[in-house]
Structures are given as C-alpha cells and as structure tokens.
N, C-alpha and C. Protein backbone atom coordinates (compact mmCIF):
# COMPACT_ATOMS: atom_id res chain seq x y z
N MET A 1 291.53 32.70 208.48
CA MET A 1 291.98 33.68 209.43
C MET A 1 293.40 33.39 209.93
N TYR A 2 293.72 32.11 210.17
CA TYR A 2 294.91 31.64 210.61
C TYR A 2 296.14 32.27 209.80
N TYR A 3 295.98 32.15 208.50
CA TYR A 3 297.03 32.70 207.52
C TYR A 3 297.16 34.29 207.65
N LEU A 4 295.95 34.89 207.83
CA LEU A 4 296.03 36.38 208.04
C LEU A 4 296.88 36.72 209.34
N VAL A 5 296.62 36.03 210.32
CA VAL A 5 297.39 36.30 211.65
C VAL A 5 298.83 36.02 211.40
N LEU A 6 299.08 34.89 210.84
CA LEU A 6 300.52 34.47 210.58
C LEU A 6 301.23 35.49 209.63
N GLY A 7 300.54 35.98 208.67
CA GLY A 7 301.09 37.02 207.89
C GLY A 7 301.31 38.28 208.60
N LEU A 8 300.30 38.65 209.39
CA LEU A 8 300.48 39.93 210.25
C LEU A 8 301.74 39.73 211.11
N CYS A 9 301.93 38.66 211.74
CA CYS A 9 303.03 38.40 212.76
C CYS A 9 304.41 38.43 211.98
N LEU A 10 304.37 37.81 210.81
CA LEU A 10 305.63 37.90 209.93
C LEU A 10 306.03 39.23 209.53
N PHE A 11 304.96 40.04 209.20
CA PHE A 11 305.08 41.43 208.80
C PHE A 11 305.67 42.23 209.87
N ILE A 12 305.12 42.01 211.07
CA ILE A 12 305.74 42.85 212.28
C ILE A 12 307.15 42.38 212.48
N VAL A 13 307.44 41.14 212.42
CA VAL A 13 308.82 40.73 212.52
C VAL A 13 309.77 41.36 211.51
N MET A 14 309.29 41.34 210.22
CA MET A 14 310.18 41.94 209.26
C MET A 14 310.34 43.52 209.42
N MET A 15 309.35 44.20 209.80
CA MET A 15 309.44 45.57 210.06
C MET A 15 310.39 45.87 211.36
N THR A 16 310.41 44.87 212.28
CA THR A 16 311.37 45.10 213.32
C THR A 16 312.77 44.82 212.94
N VAL A 17 312.92 43.79 211.95
CA VAL A 17 314.26 43.58 211.52
C VAL A 17 314.71 44.84 210.75
N LYS A 18 313.79 45.26 209.89
CA LYS A 18 314.15 46.52 209.07
C LYS A 18 314.59 47.68 209.94
N PHE A 19 313.84 47.93 211.07
CA PHE A 19 314.30 48.90 211.99
C PHE A 19 315.68 48.65 212.66
N PHE A 20 315.94 47.38 213.05
CA PHE A 20 317.29 47.16 213.59
C PHE A 20 318.38 47.20 212.52
N TYR A 21 318.05 46.85 211.19
CA TYR A 21 318.99 46.91 210.20
C TYR A 21 319.43 48.41 209.90
N ASN A 22 318.42 49.12 209.69
CA ASN A 22 318.66 50.60 209.35
C ASN A 22 319.32 51.30 210.48
N ASN A 23 319.19 50.99 211.67
CA ASN A 23 319.79 51.71 212.76
C ASN A 23 321.17 51.13 213.20
N LYS A 24 321.53 49.97 212.47
CA LYS A 24 322.77 49.34 212.68
C LYS A 24 322.92 48.83 214.20
N TRP A 25 321.95 48.23 214.65
CA TRP A 25 321.98 47.72 216.04
C TRP A 25 322.97 46.41 216.03
N GLN A 26 323.63 46.16 217.04
CA GLN A 26 324.50 44.93 217.18
C GLN A 26 323.51 43.81 217.50
N TYR A 27 323.94 42.62 217.28
CA TYR A 27 323.16 41.41 217.50
C TYR A 27 322.89 41.20 219.08
N LYS A 28 323.92 41.56 219.95
CA LYS A 28 323.75 41.26 221.33
C LYS A 28 322.87 42.35 222.07
N SER A 29 322.58 43.34 221.32
CA SER A 29 321.65 44.46 222.00
C SER A 29 320.32 44.34 221.50
N ILE A 30 319.88 43.38 220.65
CA ILE A 30 318.49 43.30 220.18
C ILE A 30 317.80 42.28 220.97
N PHE A 31 318.48 41.19 221.66
CA PHE A 31 317.83 40.08 222.29
C PHE A 31 316.90 40.43 223.36
N LEU A 32 317.40 41.20 224.26
CA LEU A 32 316.51 41.63 225.51
C LEU A 32 315.32 42.48 225.12
N PRO A 33 315.38 43.58 224.25
CA PRO A 33 314.21 44.25 223.89
C PRO A 33 313.23 43.39 223.19
N THR A 34 313.71 42.67 222.21
CA THR A 34 312.76 41.93 221.37
C THR A 34 312.06 40.83 222.15
N PHE A 35 312.80 40.08 223.17
CA PHE A 35 312.24 39.28 223.92
C PHE A 35 311.17 39.75 224.95
N ILE A 36 311.59 40.88 225.52
CA ILE A 36 310.60 41.44 226.57
C ILE A 36 309.36 41.97 225.78
N MET A 37 309.52 42.64 224.61
CA MET A 37 308.37 43.09 223.93
C MET A 37 307.44 42.12 223.45
N ALA A 38 308.00 41.03 222.82
CA ALA A 38 307.18 39.86 222.46
C ALA A 38 306.48 39.25 223.54
N PHE A 39 307.19 39.00 224.71
CA PHE A 39 306.56 38.35 225.89
C PHE A 39 305.44 39.11 226.50
N PHE A 40 305.50 40.48 226.68
CA PHE A 40 304.50 41.28 227.20
C PHE A 40 303.34 41.43 226.27
N ILE A 41 303.56 41.50 225.00
CA ILE A 41 302.49 41.73 224.06
C ILE A 41 301.69 40.49 223.99
N THR A 42 302.31 39.26 223.93
CA THR A 42 301.64 37.97 223.87
C THR A 42 300.94 37.75 225.15
N TRP A 43 301.58 38.15 226.32
CA TRP A 43 300.92 37.97 227.59
C TRP A 43 299.68 38.76 227.68
N ILE A 44 299.67 39.93 227.34
CA ILE A 44 298.58 41.00 227.38
C ILE A 44 297.47 40.44 226.38
N VAL A 45 297.66 40.02 225.16
CA VAL A 45 296.67 39.55 224.36
C VAL A 45 296.05 38.20 224.95
N LEU A 46 296.93 37.41 225.51
CA LEU A 46 296.21 36.20 226.13
C LEU A 46 295.35 36.52 227.33
N GLU A 47 295.74 37.46 228.04
CA GLU A 47 295.01 37.81 229.22
C GLU A 47 293.61 38.53 228.79
N ILE A 48 293.61 39.34 227.74
CA ILE A 48 292.47 39.86 227.25
C ILE A 48 291.60 38.88 226.74
N LEU A 49 292.08 37.87 225.91
CA LEU A 49 291.21 36.69 225.48
C LEU A 49 290.74 35.91 226.64
N ALA A 50 291.43 35.67 227.69
CA ALA A 50 290.97 34.96 228.83
C ALA A 50 289.76 35.61 229.41
N VAL A 51 289.91 36.85 229.55
CA VAL A 51 288.75 37.61 230.11
C VAL A 51 287.52 37.49 229.31
N HIS A 52 287.78 37.61 228.05
CA HIS A 52 286.61 37.61 227.11
C HIS A 52 285.93 36.19 227.05
N TYR A 53 286.62 35.16 227.27
CA TYR A 53 286.01 33.84 227.22
C TYR A 53 285.59 33.37 228.62
N GLY A 54 285.72 34.28 229.61
CA GLY A 54 285.25 33.99 230.99
C GLY A 54 286.16 33.06 231.81
N ARG A 55 287.56 32.92 231.44
CA ARG A 55 288.42 32.11 232.11
C ARG A 55 288.95 32.94 233.29
N ASN A 56 289.36 32.21 234.42
CA ASN A 56 289.91 33.04 235.64
C ASN A 56 291.37 32.70 235.64
N THR A 57 292.16 33.89 235.57
CA THR A 57 293.58 33.88 235.96
C THR A 57 293.89 34.30 237.29
N GLN A 58 294.78 33.51 238.02
CA GLN A 58 295.06 33.94 239.34
C GLN A 58 296.52 33.86 239.47
N TYR A 59 297.19 34.98 239.90
CA TYR A 59 298.68 34.98 240.04
C TYR A 59 299.08 34.98 241.55
N PHE A 60 298.33 35.68 242.32
CA PHE A 60 298.66 35.84 243.70
C PHE A 60 297.52 35.57 244.62
N TYR A 61 297.61 35.03 245.73
CA TYR A 61 296.53 34.71 246.68
C TYR A 61 297.00 34.78 248.08
N ASP A 62 296.62 35.55 248.81
CA ASP A 62 297.06 35.94 250.26
C ASP A 62 298.58 36.28 250.33
N GLY A 63 298.94 37.12 249.40
CA GLY A 63 300.36 37.48 249.35
C GLY A 63 301.47 36.37 248.89
N ALA A 64 300.90 35.29 248.51
CA ALA A 64 301.83 34.16 248.01
C ALA A 64 301.49 34.02 246.42
N ILE A 65 302.63 33.68 245.80
CA ILE A 65 302.43 33.32 244.41
C ILE A 65 301.70 32.02 244.29
N LEU A 66 300.57 32.06 243.56
CA LEU A 66 299.77 30.84 243.44
C LEU A 66 299.18 30.72 242.08
N LEU A 67 299.75 30.12 241.19
CA LEU A 67 299.36 30.09 239.69
C LEU A 67 298.37 28.95 239.52
N ASN A 68 297.23 29.20 238.90
CA ASN A 68 296.50 28.10 238.50
C ASN A 68 296.87 27.64 237.21
N SER A 69 296.41 26.41 236.61
CA SER A 69 296.92 25.86 235.46
C SER A 69 296.61 26.76 234.27
N PHE A 70 295.50 27.43 234.21
CA PHE A 70 295.35 28.30 233.01
C PHE A 70 296.36 29.47 232.96
N THR A 71 296.71 29.99 234.21
CA THR A 71 297.76 31.03 234.14
C THR A 71 299.06 30.45 233.85
N GLN A 72 299.47 29.30 234.20
CA GLN A 72 300.73 28.62 233.89
C GLN A 72 300.75 28.44 232.35
N ASP A 73 299.58 28.09 231.75
CA ASP A 73 299.62 27.86 230.33
C ASP A 73 299.82 29.29 229.54
N ILE A 74 299.21 30.39 230.12
CA ILE A 74 299.48 31.67 229.50
C ILE A 74 300.91 32.03 229.63
N LEU A 75 301.49 31.84 230.71
CA LEU A 75 302.94 32.27 230.88
C LEU A 75 303.75 31.37 229.88
N LEU A 76 303.69 30.12 229.90
CA LEU A 76 304.36 29.16 229.07
C LEU A 76 304.13 29.41 227.54
N ALA A 77 303.07 29.86 227.15
CA ALA A 77 302.75 30.25 225.67
C ALA A 77 303.51 31.60 225.43
N SER A 78 303.52 32.53 226.37
CA SER A 78 304.07 33.76 226.25
C SER A 78 305.52 33.56 226.15
N LEU A 79 306.09 32.78 226.94
CA LEU A 79 307.52 32.47 226.95
C LEU A 79 307.93 31.88 225.59
N CYS A 80 307.12 30.89 225.12
CA CYS A 80 307.49 30.14 223.97
C CYS A 80 307.36 31.11 222.74
N MET A 81 306.43 32.01 222.68
CA MET A 81 306.15 32.91 221.51
C MET A 81 307.27 34.00 221.50
N ALA A 82 307.64 34.40 222.72
CA ALA A 82 308.82 35.43 222.79
C ALA A 82 309.99 34.75 222.35
N THR A 83 310.32 33.45 222.66
CA THR A 83 311.51 32.86 222.29
C THR A 83 311.57 32.68 220.62
N VAL A 84 310.46 32.17 220.08
CA VAL A 84 310.20 32.16 218.63
C VAL A 84 310.47 33.45 217.97
N ALA A 85 309.87 34.56 218.46
CA ALA A 85 309.92 35.88 217.96
C ALA A 85 311.37 36.35 218.00
N THR A 86 312.11 36.27 219.03
CA THR A 86 313.47 36.50 219.13
C THR A 86 314.39 35.81 218.07
N THR A 87 314.08 34.51 217.96
CA THR A 87 314.91 33.69 217.05
C THR A 87 314.67 34.16 215.76
N LEU A 88 313.42 34.46 215.37
CA LEU A 88 313.02 34.90 213.94
C LEU A 88 313.73 36.21 213.68
N VAL A 89 313.65 37.09 214.57
CA VAL A 89 314.26 38.31 214.42
C VAL A 89 315.77 38.21 214.10
N TYR A 90 316.39 37.44 214.98
CA TYR A 90 317.78 37.27 214.92
C TYR A 90 318.22 36.61 213.56
N LEU A 91 317.34 35.58 213.18
CA LEU A 91 317.68 34.85 211.92
C LEU A 91 317.39 35.64 210.69
N PHE A 92 316.42 36.48 210.71
CA PHE A 92 316.10 37.30 209.54
C PHE A 92 317.17 38.43 209.54
N LEU A 93 317.65 39.03 210.55
CA LEU A 93 318.62 40.06 210.65
C LEU A 93 319.86 39.50 210.14
N TRP A 94 320.29 38.23 210.53
CA TRP A 94 321.54 37.62 210.08
C TRP A 94 321.38 37.44 208.57
N ILE A 95 320.34 36.92 208.09
CA ILE A 95 320.16 36.75 206.54
C ILE A 95 320.24 38.06 205.88
N VAL A 96 319.75 39.11 206.21
CA VAL A 96 319.73 40.48 205.66
C VAL A 96 321.14 41.07 205.59
N ARG A 97 321.83 40.88 206.70
CA ARG A 97 323.19 41.42 206.96
C ARG A 97 324.24 40.62 206.05
N SER A 98 323.98 39.36 205.95
CA SER A 98 324.92 38.42 205.19
C SER A 98 324.87 38.78 203.70
N ASN A 99 323.90 39.23 203.22
CA ASN A 99 323.82 39.45 201.75
C ASN A 99 324.36 40.85 201.36
C-alpha cells in the first residue's frame, strides 16, 4: 500500500510539473501556489485521519491560540510535506526544461 501511495504522489507531482511546463510558468511564480496547495491538502487529510482515529486536535481555546501536541505534529508534518512537494516540483520542472 505504501508503494501505491508513493506512486500516486509522484504521479500528482509529475502532472503538476506538466501543467507548469505546458503553460510556461516562471520558476518564481510556482513556489507559492504549490506550497499552499500541498500544505492545505496534507493538513486536511491529516485532520480527517485524526477524526477517524478518535484523536483530538485543538487550535484555539478561550480566544487564544493553544495547540496541543497532536496538532503541532499535524502542522509540522504538513509543513514538511509542502516543502518536499515544492522542492520536487521545482526539481522536476528544472530537469524537464533543461533537456
């Protein structure tokens, strides 16, 4: 199952690169949309999985930002996955354009 998910992620990254390549986007204009899209998709998937497994995520309490450890882990994982996805998109796009 792990290899199937990895293959699906790489397929999505390659389709994103193909979209950027065909529309001739510049390098500097792809970072922010790719990072934001990857961050929010990962964050939403992890939130859905947390609810499914009965974990409690807490972002705010009495008007103040109060993150529990599980919520911090979700945000850190989303940040890391968004960074990796953005780096892969940039790297693959650079490889495709250099040939």
